[in-house]
């Protein structure tokens, strides 16, 4: 028998996407302050999620094992030969960093109380 923590892991893994959805819903609510436009904005969320669910694996599969698939470009690169899944992960990390940087620089936060509670701002 496993410990309580190890038995909770599948439940926490299954609930993790729900936290992402609630965060996305909060961002959409902040970006669209007009109440009459929020239903249209929230209806776009599943579309964007579905597009990402389709194109994410396609991009990852196209970039996997680049030394074998694209020998003229990556055939001599020892790092990509040794780690065939490094390129899709690096591309995903770069896209993630671009998204975080864009959010930090261009999203306005209307209420700073939330951040004051957790100690992120003064």
Protein backbone atom coordinates (compact mmCIF):
# COMPACT_ATOMS: atom_id res chain seq x y z
CA UNK A 1 0.00 0.00 0.00
CA UNK A 2 1.20 3.48 -0.83
CA UNK A 3 1.16 6.45 1.41
CA UNK A 4 -1.60 9.02 1.35
CA UNK A 5 0.53 11.37 -0.74
CA UNK A 6 1.20 8.79 -3.45
CA UNK A 7 -2.47 7.85 -3.64
CA UNK A 8 -3.45 11.52 -4.08
CA UNK A 9 -1.12 12.00 -7.04
CA UNK A 10 -3.53 10.70 -9.74
CA UNK A 11 -6.32 12.88 -8.36
CA UNK A 12 -4.10 15.97 -8.31
CA UNK A 13 -2.88 15.20 -11.83
CA UNK A 14 -6.44 14.89 -13.06
CA UNK A 15 -7.46 18.19 -11.43
CA UNK A 16 -4.48 20.20 -12.73
CA UNK A 17 -6.17 21.18 -16.04
CA UNK A 18 -9.08 22.61 -14.04
CA UNK A 19 -6.73 25.09 -12.39
CA UNK A 20 -5.50 26.17 -15.81
CA UNK A 21 -9.06 26.65 -17.02
CA UNK A 22 -9.96 28.76 -14.01
CA UNK A 23 -6.88 30.90 -14.58
CA UNK A 24 -7.78 31.35 -18.25
CA UNK A 25 -11.34 32.28 -17.26
CA UNK A 26 -9.98 34.89 -14.85
CA UNK A 27 -7.75 36.38 -17.56
CA UNK A 28 -10.66 36.53 -20.01
CA UNK A 29 -12.82 38.22 -17.38
CA UNK A 30 -10.06 40.78 -16.78
CA UNK A 31 -9.51 41.42 -20.49
CA UNK A 32 -13.22 41.88 -21.27
CA UNK A 33 -14.67 44.08 -18.52
CA UNK A 34 -17.92 44.73 -20.45
CA UNK A 35 -20.47 42.23 -19.13
CA UNK A 36 -22.37 42.06 -22.42
CA UNK A 37 -19.23 40.93 -24.33
CA UNK A 38 -18.04 38.32 -21.83
CA UNK A 39 -20.25 35.45 -23.12
CA UNK A 40 -18.72 35.82 -26.58
CA UNK A 41 -15.22 35.94 -25.10
CA UNK A 42 -15.84 32.85 -22.96
CA UNK A 43 -17.20 30.97 -25.98
CA UNK A 44 -13.83 31.39 -27.72
CA UNK A 45 -11.95 29.62 -24.87
CA UNK A 46 -12.88 26.04 -25.88
CA UNK A 47 -12.01 26.81 -29.49
CA UNK A 48 -8.53 28.01 -28.56
CA UNK A 49 -8.06 25.03 -26.22
CA UNK A 50 -9.07 22.61 -29.00
CA UNK A 51 -6.76 24.24 -31.53
CA UNK A 52 -3.87 23.92 -29.08
CA UNK A 53 -4.78 20.29 -28.37
CA UNK A 54 -4.55 19.51 -32.08
CA UNK A 55 -1.55 21.55 -33.17
CA UNK A 56 0.58 20.93 -30.05
CA UNK A 57 1.09 17.21 -30.69
CA UNK A 58 1.51 17.85 -34.42
CA UNK A 59 4.31 20.33 -33.73
CA UNK A 60 5.90 18.03 -31.15
CA UNK A 61 5.79 15.05 -33.50
CA UNK A 62 7.22 17.05 -36.39
CA UNK A 63 10.16 18.20 -34.27
CA UNK A 64 10.89 14.86 -32.53
CA UNK A 65 14.10 13.05 -33.52
CA UNK A 66 15.38 15.90 -35.70
CA UNK A 67 18.76 14.25 -36.36
CA UNK A 68 17.03 11.28 -38.06
CA UNK A 69 14.20 13.20 -39.76
CA UNK A 70 16.20 16.20 -40.95
CA UNK A 71 19.81 14.95 -41.32
CA UNK A 72 20.88 17.89 -43.48
CA UNK A 73 19.94 20.36 -40.74
CA UNK A 74 20.58 18.43 -37.51
CA UNK A 75 22.50 15.30 -38.53
CA UNK A 76 25.84 16.38 -37.02
CA UNK A 77 24.42 17.73 -33.76
CA UNK A 78 25.46 15.30 -31.00
CA UNK A 79 23.08 16.85 -28.48
CA UNK A 80 20.03 16.19 -30.66
CA UNK A 81 21.27 12.70 -31.50
CA UNK A 82 21.64 11.88 -27.81
CA UNK A 83 18.38 13.62 -26.79
CA UNK A 84 15.90 13.21 -29.67
CA UNK A 85 13.04 14.96 -27.84
CA UNK A 86 15.01 18.04 -26.80
CA UNK A 87 14.00 20.17 -29.79
CA UNK A 88 10.21 19.98 -29.27
CA UNK A 89 10.69 20.70 -25.57
CA UNK A 90 12.96 23.66 -26.29
CA UNK A 91 10.43 25.07 -28.76
CA UNK A 92 7.65 24.62 -26.19
CA UNK A 93 9.79 26.34 -23.54
CA UNK A 94 10.49 29.29 -25.85
CA UNK A 95 6.78 29.65 -26.67
CA UNK A 96 5.97 29.47 -22.96
CA UNK A 97 8.53 32.19 -22.16
CA UNK A 98 7.13 34.40 -24.93
CA UNK A 99 3.63 33.95 -23.48
CA UNK A 100 4.71 34.73 -19.93
CA UNK A 101 6.72 37.77 -21.05
CA UNK A 102 3.78 39.04 -23.10
CA UNK A 103 1.46 38.58 -20.15
CA UNK A 104 3.77 40.33 -17.70
CA UNK A 105 4.42 43.26 -20.02
CA UNK A 106 0.98 43.84 -21.53
CA UNK A 107 -1.74 42.50 -19.21
CA UNK A 108 -3.11 45.05 -16.80
CA UNK A 109 -4.14 43.90 -13.34
CA UNK A 110 -7.18 45.77 -12.06
CA UNK A 111 -7.05 44.60 -8.46
CA UNK A 112 -3.73 44.35 -6.70
CA UNK A 113 -5.32 42.93 -3.53
CA UNK A 114 -4.85 39.35 -4.70
CA UNK A 115 -1.13 39.88 -5.14
CA UNK A 116 -0.82 41.66 -1.81
CA UNK A 117 -2.29 38.63 -0.04
CA UNK A 118 0.40 36.30 -1.36
CA UNK A 119 3.22 38.84 -1.06
CA UNK A 120 4.09 39.43 -4.71
CA UNK A 121 3.85 43.22 -4.63
CA UNK A 122 4.20 45.96 -2.05
